[in-house]
Every structure is written in C-alpha cells, then in structure tokens.
Protein backbone atom coordinates (compact mmCIF):
# COMPACT_ATOMS: atom_id res chain seq x y z
CA MET A 1 107.97 134.22 126.84
CA PRO A 2 106.75 130.84 128.16
CA SER A 3 107.51 127.92 125.86
CA VAL A 4 106.25 124.47 124.97
CA ALA A 5 107.68 121.52 123.01
CA LEU A 6 105.84 118.44 121.71
CA TYR A 7 106.93 114.91 120.84
CA THR A 8 104.49 112.71 118.93
CA LEU A 9 104.52 108.96 118.45
CA GLY A 10 102.25 107.04 116.12
CA CYS A 11 99.67 107.71 113.45
CA LYS A 12 98.57 110.73 111.44
CA LEU A 13 95.65 111.14 113.82
CA ASN A 14 98.04 111.59 116.73
CA GLN A 15 100.01 114.05 114.62
CA LEU A 16 96.89 116.09 113.91
CA GLU A 17 95.94 116.15 117.58
CA SER A 18 99.45 117.36 118.50
CA GLU A 19 99.12 120.08 115.85
CA SER A 20 95.91 121.24 117.57
CA ILE A 21 97.58 121.28 120.99
CA ALA A 22 100.51 123.28 119.59
CA ASP A 23 98.07 125.71 117.99
CA ALA A 24 96.24 126.20 121.30
CA PHE A 25 99.48 126.99 123.14
CA ARG A 26 100.63 129.37 120.41
CA LYS A 27 97.33 131.28 120.52
CA ALA A 28 97.75 131.64 124.31
CA GLY A 29 101.15 133.35 123.86
CA PHE A 30 103.49 130.40 124.28
CA ALA A 31 106.55 130.00 122.07
CA LEU A 32 106.59 126.70 120.23
CA ILE A 33 110.15 125.43 120.10
CA PRO A 34 111.75 122.40 118.42
CA TRP A 35 111.84 119.19 120.39
CA GLY A 36 115.34 119.85 121.56
CA GLU A 37 118.94 120.51 121.02
CA GLY A 38 119.71 116.89 121.74
CA GLY A 39 117.86 115.57 118.68
CA GLU A 40 114.70 113.51 118.49
CA GLU A 41 115.55 111.24 121.40
CA SER A 42 116.22 114.03 123.89
CA PRO A 43 114.58 117.41 124.30
CA GLY A 44 117.82 118.92 125.65
CA LYS A 45 118.29 120.78 128.93
CA ASN A 46 115.65 123.36 129.80
CA SER A 47 114.46 123.50 126.20
CA ALA A 48 110.89 124.39 127.19
CA ASP A 49 108.78 125.19 130.24
CA ILE A 50 106.23 122.56 129.26
CA LEU A 51 106.97 119.29 127.49
CA ILE A 52 104.18 117.18 125.99
CA VAL A 53 104.54 113.57 124.83
CA ASN A 54 101.66 112.18 122.76
CA THR A 55 101.99 108.39 122.96
CA CYS A 56 101.02 105.39 120.83
CA THR A 57 100.18 101.80 121.79
CA VAL A 58 100.23 100.02 118.42
CA THR A 59 103.40 98.07 119.23
CA SER A 60 105.48 97.30 122.29
CA HIS A 61 108.31 99.21 120.59
CA SER A 62 106.24 102.40 120.50
CA GLU A 63 105.52 102.04 124.21
CA GLN A 64 109.18 101.35 124.98
CA LYS A 65 110.17 104.44 123.02
CA ALA A 66 107.63 106.53 124.94
CA ARG A 67 109.07 105.40 128.29
CA HIS A 68 112.58 106.19 127.05
CA VAL A 69 111.57 109.72 125.98
CA ILE A 70 109.70 110.33 129.24
CA ARG A 71 112.66 109.31 131.40
CA LYS A 72 115.03 111.52 129.40
CA CYS A 73 112.60 114.43 129.63
CA LEU A 74 112.51 114.22 133.40
CA ARG A 75 116.27 113.74 133.68
CA ASP A 76 117.34 116.44 131.20
CA ASN A 77 114.78 119.10 132.09
CA PRO A 78 114.69 119.60 135.87
CA LEU A 79 112.75 122.87 135.59
CA ALA A 80 110.08 121.73 133.15
CA ILE A 81 106.79 119.95 133.67
CA LEU A 82 105.90 116.97 131.50
CA ILE A 83 102.42 116.10 130.23
CA VAL A 84 101.92 112.59 128.82
CA THR A 85 98.81 111.72 126.87
CA GLY A 86 97.64 109.48 124.00
CA CYS A 87 96.63 105.86 123.59
CA TYR A 88 99.38 104.42 125.80
CA ALA A 89 98.36 106.86 128.54
CA GLN A 90 94.77 105.71 128.11
CA LEU A 91 95.59 102.04 128.67
CA GLU A 92 98.57 102.16 131.04
CA ALA A 93 98.21 105.36 133.06
CA LYS A 94 99.48 103.78 136.27
CA ALA A 95 102.63 102.43 134.58
CA LEU A 96 103.40 105.91 133.24
CA GLU A 97 102.66 107.60 136.55
CA ALA A 98 105.21 105.25 138.11
CA LEU A 99 107.89 106.88 135.92
CA GLY A 100 107.12 110.15 137.67
CA ARG A 101 107.98 108.59 141.00
CA GLU A 102 111.49 107.96 139.64
CA ASP A 103 111.93 111.72 139.26
CA ARG A 104 114.00 113.35 142.03
CA GLN A 105 112.06 116.62 141.86
CA GLY A 106 108.72 114.78 141.92
CA GLY A 107 105.27 115.96 140.93
CA ARG A 108 106.28 117.16 137.48
CA LEU A 109 104.75 114.35 135.45
CA PHE A 110 101.05 114.60 134.58
CA VAL A 111 99.34 111.72 132.79
CA ILE A 112 96.19 112.65 130.88
CA PRO A 113 94.39 109.64 129.34
CA GLY A 114 93.72 109.65 125.64
CA ASP A 115 89.96 109.99 126.10
CA SER A 116 90.62 113.29 127.93
CA LYS A 117 93.25 114.53 125.48
CA SER A 118 91.01 117.28 124.11
CA ALA A 119 90.96 118.87 127.57
CA ILE A 120 94.62 119.82 127.02
CA LEU A 121 93.35 122.38 124.53
CA ASP A 122 92.00 124.35 127.49
CA LEU A 123 95.23 124.23 129.52
CA PRO A 124 97.15 127.00 127.69
CA GLY A 125 94.44 129.58 128.42
CA PHE A 126 94.34 128.52 132.08
CA LEU A 127 98.12 128.86 132.41
CA ALA A 128 98.34 132.13 130.49
CA GLY A 129 95.78 133.72 132.75
CA ALA A 130 97.98 133.20 135.80
CA GLY A 131 100.55 135.82 134.84
CA GLU A 132 104.34 135.79 134.94
CA GLY A 133 106.24 133.98 137.65
CA ALA A 134 103.50 131.46 138.30
CA SER A 135 104.41 127.83 138.88
CA TYR A 136 103.24 125.70 135.98
CA GLN A 137 103.48 122.63 138.20
CA SER A 138 101.05 123.95 140.80
CA LEU A 139 98.81 125.53 138.16
CA THR A 140 98.54 122.25 136.27
CA GLU A 141 97.72 120.48 139.53
CA ASP A 142 94.95 123.06 140.14
CA TRP A 143 93.67 122.66 136.58
CA LEU A 144 93.46 118.87 136.91
CA GLY A 145 91.78 119.28 140.30
CA LYS A 146 88.91 121.14 138.69
CA GLY A 147 88.12 118.04 136.62
CA SER A 148 88.50 117.58 132.91
CA PRO A 149 85.57 118.49 130.63
CA GLU A 150 83.81 115.76 128.73
CA ASN A 151 85.94 114.42 125.91
CA ALA A 152 85.21 116.06 122.58
CA SER A 153 87.46 114.28 120.10
CA PHE A 154 86.52 116.53 117.20
CA ARG A 155 87.75 119.68 118.88
CA PHE A 156 91.13 118.97 117.28
CA SER A 157 90.97 121.38 114.36
CA PRO A 158 94.07 123.59 114.24
CA ALA A 159 94.03 126.95 112.45
CA GLU A 160 97.78 126.74 111.85
CA PHE A 161 100.07 123.74 111.36
CA SER A 162 103.48 123.78 113.01
CA PHE A 163 104.94 120.41 112.00
CA HIS A 164 103.35 119.70 108.59
CA SER A 165 103.01 121.62 105.36
CA ARG A 166 99.92 119.67 104.40
CA ALA A 167 96.80 120.23 106.47
CA PHE A 168 94.77 117.51 108.20
CA VAL A 169 91.05 117.23 108.93
CA LYS A 170 89.94 114.69 111.50
CA ILE A 171 86.68 113.18 110.23
CA GLN A 172 86.45 110.03 112.33
CA ASP A 173 87.66 108.45 115.58
CA GLY A 174 87.49 104.98 117.14
CA CYS A 175 86.73 101.68 115.40
CA ASP A 176 83.89 99.16 115.48
CA ASN A 177 86.14 96.26 114.42
CA SER A 178 87.59 93.89 116.99
CA CYS A 179 90.72 92.75 115.18
CA ALA A 180 92.65 90.19 117.21
CA TYR A 181 95.91 92.16 117.16
CA CYS A 182 94.64 95.72 117.70
CA ARG A 183 94.89 97.68 120.91
CA VAL A 184 94.02 101.04 119.38
CA SER A 185 90.30 100.20 119.13
CA ILE A 186 90.39 99.45 122.87
CA ALA A 187 92.04 102.80 123.60
CA ARG A 188 89.94 104.90 121.18
CA GLY A 189 86.56 103.24 121.61
CA LYS A 190 83.70 102.81 119.14
CA SER A 191 83.60 104.56 115.78
CA ARG A 192 82.20 108.08 115.68
CA SER A 193 82.19 110.60 112.87
CA LEU A 194 82.41 114.34 112.43
CA PRO A 195 79.18 115.71 110.88
CA ALA A 196 79.66 116.37 107.17
CA GLY A 197 78.81 120.06 107.53
CA GLU A 198 81.55 120.56 110.12
CA ALA A 199 84.04 118.66 107.95
CA LEU A 200 83.21 120.96 105.03
CA ALA A 201 83.59 124.07 107.21
CA SER A 202 87.06 122.91 108.31
CA LEU A 203 88.10 122.12 104.75
CA LYS A 204 86.85 125.48 103.41
CA ALA A 205 88.73 127.32 106.17
CA LEU A 206 91.94 125.57 105.11
CA GLU A 207 91.25 126.37 101.46
CA ASP A 208 90.73 130.04 102.37
CA LYS A 209 94.12 130.04 104.11
CA GLY A 210 95.78 128.90 100.88
CA PHE A 211 96.43 125.24 101.63
CA GLY A 212 96.78 123.22 98.45
CA GLU A 213 95.87 119.93 100.09
CA ALA A 214 94.30 118.41 103.18
CA VAL A 215 94.47 114.83 104.47
CA LEU A 216 91.25 113.28 105.80
CA THR A 217 92.25 111.24 108.82
CA GLY A 218 90.84 109.09 111.60
CA VAL A 219 91.32 105.67 113.20
CA ASN A 220 89.29 103.97 110.46
CA ILE A 221 87.87 106.49 107.98
CA SER A 222 86.24 103.65 106.01
CA GLN A 223 83.68 103.57 108.86
CA TYR A 224 82.68 107.22 108.33
CA LYS A 225 78.92 107.67 108.77
CA ASP A 226 76.62 110.65 108.61
CA GLU A 227 72.94 110.54 107.64
CA ALA A 228 73.50 113.64 105.49
CA VAL A 229 75.86 111.77 103.14
CA GLN A 230 76.38 108.19 101.96
CA GLY A 231 79.49 106.88 103.71
CA LEU A 232 83.04 108.03 102.91
CA GLY A 233 82.28 108.29 99.19
CA GLY A 234 79.31 110.55 99.87
CA LEU A 235 81.41 112.71 102.17
CA LEU A 236 84.07 113.08 99.47
CA GLU A 237 81.51 114.18 96.89
CA TYR A 238 80.00 116.63 99.39
CA LEU A 239 83.42 118.12 100.19
CA LEU A 240 84.37 118.42 96.54
CA GLU A 241 81.09 120.16 95.69
CA GLY A 242 81.57 122.62 98.56
CA THR A 243 85.17 123.62 97.76
CA LYS A 244 86.94 124.97 94.67
CA THR A 245 90.67 124.31 94.71
CA ILE A 246 91.89 122.32 97.70
CA ALA A 247 92.89 118.73 96.99
CA ILE A 248 91.95 115.83 99.29
CA ARG A 249 94.19 112.96 100.31
CA LEU A 250 92.89 109.94 102.21
CA SER A 251 94.69 108.32 105.10
CA SER A 252 94.51 104.52 105.46
CA ILE A 253 91.40 102.77 104.10
CA GLU A 254 90.12 99.22 104.44
CA PRO A 255 90.79 96.80 101.54
CA GLU A 256 87.42 95.77 100.18
CA VAL A 257 85.15 95.74 97.16
CA PHE A 258 84.26 99.42 97.07
CA PRO A 259 80.74 100.80 96.50
CA PRO A 260 80.10 102.74 93.25
CA GLY A 261 79.79 106.06 95.10
CA PHE A 262 83.28 105.75 96.54
CA ILE A 263 84.84 104.85 93.19
CA ARG A 264 83.02 107.76 91.55
CA ALA A 265 84.30 110.16 94.21
CA ILE A 266 87.95 109.10 94.06
CA SER A 267 87.88 109.49 90.28
CA HIS A 268 87.72 113.26 90.79
CA GLU A 269 90.92 115.09 89.88
CA ARG A 270 91.07 116.78 93.29
CA VAL A 271 91.25 113.45 95.14
CA ARG A 272 94.88 112.43 95.30
CA PRO A 273 95.79 109.21 93.44
CA HIS A 274 97.35 107.71 96.57
CA PHE A 275 95.70 104.87 98.48
CA HIS A 276 97.06 103.15 101.57
CA LEU A 277 95.31 99.88 102.42
CA SER A 278 95.23 98.29 105.88
CA LEU A 279 95.76 94.88 104.28
CA GLN A 280 97.70 93.11 107.09
CA SER A 281 98.04 89.77 105.26
CA GLY A 282 97.55 88.14 101.87
CA SER A 283 96.67 84.76 103.40
CA GLY A 284 92.99 83.95 103.86
CA ALA A 285 93.73 81.75 106.88
CA VAL A 286 95.70 84.49 108.61
CA LEU A 287 93.08 87.16 107.83
CA SER A 288 90.45 84.91 109.39
CA ARG A 289 92.49 84.49 112.58
CA MET A 290 93.06 88.23 112.68
CA GLY A 291 89.30 88.84 112.58
CA ARG A 292 89.53 90.83 109.35
CA HIS A 293 86.33 91.14 107.32
CA TYR A 294 87.59 90.50 103.76
CA THR A 295 89.30 87.77 101.78
CA PRO A 296 92.42 88.07 99.61
CA ALA A 297 90.17 87.84 96.54
CA GLU A 298 88.06 90.78 97.74
CA ALA A 299 91.22 92.80 98.48
CA LYS A 300 92.48 92.08 94.94
CA GLU A 301 89.19 93.26 93.48
CA GLY A 302 89.43 96.45 95.51
CA LEU A 303 92.90 97.06 94.15
CA ARG A 304 91.61 96.54 90.61
CA GLN A 305 88.83 99.08 91.20
CA LEU A 306 91.24 101.70 92.53
CA ARG A 307 93.60 101.28 89.60
CA GLU A 308 90.73 101.44 87.16
CA ALA A 309 89.54 104.68 88.69
CA ARG A 310 92.94 106.46 88.53
CA ASP A 311 95.98 106.47 86.28
CA ASP A 312 98.70 104.42 87.99
CA PRO A 313 97.97 105.56 91.56
CA PHE A 314 100.47 105.16 94.40
CA MET A 315 99.28 101.97 96.08
CA ALA A 316 100.60 101.13 99.53
CA CYS A 317 99.65 98.73 102.30
CA ASP A 318 100.31 97.64 105.88
CA ILE A 319 101.43 94.06 106.52
CA ILE A 320 101.90 92.29 109.88
CA ALA A 321 104.60 89.63 109.55
CA GLY A 322 104.69 86.65 111.89
CA PHE A 323 101.13 86.76 113.23
CA PRO A 324 100.52 83.73 115.52
CA GLY A 325 99.89 80.67 113.39
CA GLU A 326 101.32 82.21 110.22
CA THR A 327 103.09 79.29 108.55
CA PRO A 328 105.87 79.71 105.99
CA GLU A 329 103.25 78.88 103.36
CA ASP A 330 100.94 81.62 104.68
CA PHE A 331 103.75 84.13 104.48
CA GLU A 332 104.63 83.09 100.94
CA ARG A 333 101.00 83.70 99.98
CA THR A 334 101.28 87.19 101.47
CA PHE A 335 104.59 87.85 99.72
CA GLU A 336 103.18 86.68 96.40
CA PHE A 337 100.04 88.79 96.90
CA CYS A 338 102.21 91.88 97.44
CA ARG A 339 104.45 91.06 94.50
CA GLU A 340 101.51 90.62 92.13
CA ALA A 341 99.83 93.75 93.50
CA ASP A 342 102.93 95.76 92.56
CA PHE A 343 102.66 98.03 95.59
CA ALA A 344 104.62 101.28 95.50
CA TRP A 345 105.24 100.83 99.20
CA ILE A 346 104.71 98.21 101.92
CA HIS A 347 104.77 99.16 105.59
CA ALA A 348 105.83 95.80 106.98
CA PHE A 349 106.41 95.21 110.67
CA PRO A 350 106.76 92.12 112.88
CA PHE A 351 103.75 91.13 114.94
CA SER A 352 103.76 92.73 118.38
CA ARG A 353 101.88 90.87 121.09
CA ARG A 354 99.60 93.37 122.86
CA PRO A 355 97.94 92.83 126.25
CA GLY A 356 94.17 93.00 126.21
CA THR A 357 93.85 91.71 122.66
CA ALA A 358 92.60 88.29 121.58
CA ALA A 359 95.94 87.50 119.91
CA TRP A 360 97.69 87.83 123.27
CA HIS A 361 96.46 84.30 124.02
CA PHE A 362 96.96 82.79 120.55
CA LYS A 363 99.19 79.77 120.19
CA GLY A 364 101.56 79.12 117.32
CA ARG A 365 103.82 82.07 117.98
CA VAL A 366 106.40 82.88 115.33
CA SER A 367 109.86 83.64 116.73
CA GLU A 368 110.97 87.27 116.72
CA ARG A 369 113.85 86.37 114.45
CA GLU A 370 111.60 84.70 111.89
CA ALA A 371 109.04 87.51 112.01
CA GLY A 372 111.83 90.04 111.54
CA GLU A 373 113.20 88.15 108.54
CA ARG A 374 109.77 88.01 106.96
CA ALA A 375 109.28 91.74 107.47
CA ALA A 376 112.73 92.39 105.98
CA ARG A 377 111.78 90.47 102.81
CA LEU A 378 108.69 92.61 102.44
CA GLU A 379 110.72 95.78 103.05
CA ALA A 380 113.09 94.80 100.24
CA LEU A 381 110.10 94.23 97.98
CA ALA A 382 108.79 97.65 99.02
CA ARG A 383 112.04 99.41 98.09
CA ASN A 384 112.03 97.78 94.69
CA GLY A 385 108.38 98.70 94.23
CA LYS A 386 109.02 102.32 95.12
CA ALA A 387 111.95 102.58 92.71
CA ALA A 388 109.96 101.01 89.85
CA TYR A 389 106.98 103.28 90.54
CA ALA A 390 109.13 106.42 90.56
CA GLN A 391 110.81 105.35 87.32
CA ARG A 392 107.42 105.14 85.59
CA TRP A 393 106.78 108.81 86.34
CA ILE A 394 110.02 110.27 84.99
CA GLY A 395 109.22 112.83 82.30
CA ARG A 396 105.62 113.33 83.47
CA GLU A 397 104.05 116.38 85.11
CA LEU A 398 102.50 116.34 88.56
CA GLU A 399 101.17 118.69 91.17
CA PHE A 400 103.63 119.25 94.03
CA ILE A 401 102.99 120.43 97.60
CA ALA A 402 105.96 122.28 99.07
CA GLU A 403 107.26 121.54 102.56
CA ALA A 404 107.92 124.41 104.93
CA ASP A 405 111.40 123.32 106.03
CA GLN A 406 114.03 124.10 103.41
CA GLY A 407 116.98 124.12 105.79
CA LYS A 408 117.91 120.47 105.31
CA THR A 409 118.01 120.75 101.51
CA PRO A 410 119.82 124.04 100.62
CA GLY A 411 119.00 125.22 97.12
CA PHE A 412 116.07 122.84 96.80
CA MET A 413 112.44 122.84 97.84
CA PRO A 414 111.36 119.51 99.37
CA GLY A 415 107.80 118.33 99.01
CA VAL A 416 105.43 115.59 97.98
CA THR A 417 103.74 115.05 94.63
CA ALA A 418 100.05 114.39 94.17
CA ASN A 419 100.82 110.68 93.92
CA TYR A 420 102.98 110.69 97.06
CA LEU A 421 106.48 110.72 95.61
CA LYS A 422 108.89 112.58 97.88
CA ALA A 423 110.47 115.15 95.55
CA LEU A 424 113.16 117.83 95.42
CA ILE A 425 112.80 120.89 93.16
CA PRO A 426 115.62 123.43 92.53
CA LEU A 427 114.70 126.83 93.95
CA ASP A 428 116.78 129.02 91.59
CA GLY A 429 116.74 131.78 94.18
CA GLU A 430 112.96 132.02 94.46
CA LYS A 431 110.95 131.49 97.64
CA ILE A 432 108.10 129.02 97.71
CA GLU A 433 105.90 128.99 100.80
CA GLY A 434 105.35 125.71 102.61
CA GLY A 435 101.97 124.23 101.73
CA ALA A 436 101.90 125.94 98.32
CA SER A 437 100.84 123.91 95.30
CA ILE A 438 102.89 124.14 92.12
CA ARG A 439 103.27 122.15 88.92
CA CYS A 440 106.44 120.12 88.40
CA ARG A 441 107.99 117.72 85.91
CA ILE A 442 109.82 114.66 87.22
CA LEU A 443 113.37 114.58 85.84
CA LYS A 444 115.14 111.67 87.50
CA ALA A 445 115.39 109.41 90.53
CA ALA A 446 116.89 111.01 93.64
CA LYS A 447 119.84 108.68 94.02
CA GLY A 448 121.93 108.91 97.17
CA GLU A 449 119.23 110.82 99.09
CA SER A 450 117.15 108.34 101.06
CA ARG A 451 114.54 110.88 102.12
CA PHE A 452 113.47 111.53 98.53
CA ASP A 453 112.32 109.50 95.56
CA VAL A 454 112.68 111.90 92.65
CA VAL A 455 114.10 115.25 91.50
CA GLY A 456 111.84 117.53 89.50
CA ILE A 457 111.66 120.99 88.04
CA LYS A 458 109.01 123.68 88.33
CA VAL A 459 106.81 123.98 85.25
CA ILE A 460 106.26 127.61 84.25
C-alpha cells in the first residue's frame, strides 16, 4: 500500500489544512504513517513514499526548522518524493527549490506555494489512478505540468482527523491588518470568510460523527464577515442555533472592546470558556509602532467583558518581547499589564525580524539576548499563572474531551477540559474513544508531568 507522512509547522490553521491533506490521501487508498522512526526531527529512512512539509513563516526560527527538516527528508529518504507547501513556500519558493538542488538524486522536491495548497487535495486521486509501480516523481511532475486549479482556501474540511482529537472548522483566511511585524498577512492575503451556511454544514457533520467539540480557526477570525450574520458573534449564535450538542472553541481573537452580540454569544454554555488574545504588547507606544488598532485600556476593557461573561475563563495571550524601540520601561508596562490581567498562559517570544515587513527597517533594535531575557520573564509569569489557575479549579467539575493517543500515558486517558486545562483521567480498564466528551472532577495538580496541568476522575 502506498504511504504518506506529514510534518506541520505553525498555527492551528496550518494544522487543519494538513488534516485535510491527510484525509484526501487516506480516501485515495494511501496509508498514513507517523512522521518517522527518527522522531520529530527526522522522518526516518524510507518511512513513506510521499513526504509533505507544511511550512510557517511567522519567525525566522520556524523557517530555519523547515529547512532543517527538508534537508533531513531528502538525505534520509532517497526513495521518497518531498512536497513542501505553506506560508514559507509562498514567500520564498526559490530558496526552498534551491534545497532540492542539493539532493544527489535530484527532482524529488516539489514546492507548492501556499496560495495553491488546496490543489494538493487533488493529488492523491491523480496518483492513485496511475496504478501500482508508477513513479510518484514523474507523476507529480505531470500533475504540476497540467497547472494547478484556482486556489480555494475553504476546501480544507476533513471528514476524519488523524492528528487531533478535537475537530477544526476553517471559517476565515487572510487578514486586512498591516501589522508592522507580520509576514503571514503578506503570505495569506486579504481577509475572506466561509459563508455561514457552509460553516454550519461542516459543524453539523462533525456533530453527527460524534465530535464533542470543534475549534473555529482562521488567520484572524475576528474579521469574519458574512451578510447573513453579524460578524463573529452573529456566526456563533447561528451555529449554536443550528446544532444541538457540539461545543465550540475559538482560536485566537483580537483584544478589543467587544460588541454586545459577541458577548451574548460567548455567554452560551456550548462556547468554551477559553479565550486567547493576540495582545502582542501592554505598552501603548509599542502597540502604536506595531500598527495595532487598540490601546492597553481597550484591551483591559475587553478582558473585563470576557470575564464578566464567563465564570473564571482560561485567559491567554501572545506577547512579542523586544520589538524595535521597546524600552525597558515599555517592557515593564507589558509585564505589569500581564501580571494584573492574571493570564492563565502567556505565549511570549522574542521579536523576529521578517523581510518584507515594515519593522524590517525599524531602528532601535533590542539585542537578541535582551529580548530573550524579557520573553523568559514572561514565560515564568505564565507558568505561575497556569499553576494558580489550575489550583482554583481543584474540586470542581468540568467537561473533558478525550485525546485519541493513550500510548504515552498507560492507565490514563489524556485530554483537555472545557477551560483548556490539560488533564489526565484514570481509565480503570475502560475504553474511551478519542474526541469523546465526558464529565470529570479535578482532583489535584499534575506534578512532575509537564504535559499536563491536572489529574481528574470521571464523574458517573
């Protein structure tokens, strides 16, 4: 049986699109195998006939990691072909194609830009129709020679999920903002939205398959627009009215003063009390240089609204440390903002200078060492925030979505609670299907197990 393996870098949107590609190959009769015997960094020798790397361009580190994985793929798998796609492939196709010229066999690396990624969904059927013994290298060359169909970014809607227990629905792509640091908006283009009716059909299909939860994802879902509904809040109300049991979790949203319709929608019990804000800084001066559209005061008001709508929700944020011109005083304002906000998690990372962005030319650069130290302080604050948040939920009952992979935690079912605590639940010999929703009570913190926050027990 022909086989395929996928490696995904970057955001939840990339993860969803990889899920769709995997689903298309599986439906065409390909075996989907783990990324390799050599662990995450190496797919191992001859682990699959076709290797696919879905790249990210958010940071220089993500691009460096992609190049490392690509080189190892070509070196360790002399009989496989390699398809590279994603945002990095969209912006730096020639640089990636040059890696193929390092390959002794030659001709095995195919770069498909991110805006043509959906065309990969058609490749499995083309290859499967060729019969046994066919050369995937020559077939892929023929397929590319026929020209890729027009990009249809909302074709990514998998029927089955291979790498996640929770389902995803892509409702939006691209971004209309022009933030000074962001390369993703350049790679993904302007904002566009999935019609509300199609979003509902996808969500109902997942509900019918027994999924307990689905994540609404996109590049910037706060920019969701459809004349049939009123923004993201209107979409949420429409989806809740059209479904019965499936819960909805939001991916990252913009920090802002939220409209009444959005607050009303997230107050519904089937919207998960977990909100991740693309905050980036708590300094007004830095936000202005970044080209962000809100002030720290407006972000604080948004946080207040979210907490008023739900009982102690899991509040998280993204922070860029060391943005050009960020003074020590600016950073202290950000640190104090995060401390007062009492975030349950902070995704802090040092500023990465990206070509093609406005910030590429900004003066006042912060040294890598200083930016790293600032990010480390925020990470320490995040760990303390997570521990304090988990402690507040000990003894309380929550809904729990089971993960599919139990192999790494014998005797326990891993999963995530409604409010995004990573939890372990004793199995007691029973089998719980991945993606299933059960009720659990939080018993204690999961000390000594970094992957998890709490240990719970199933509520009968």
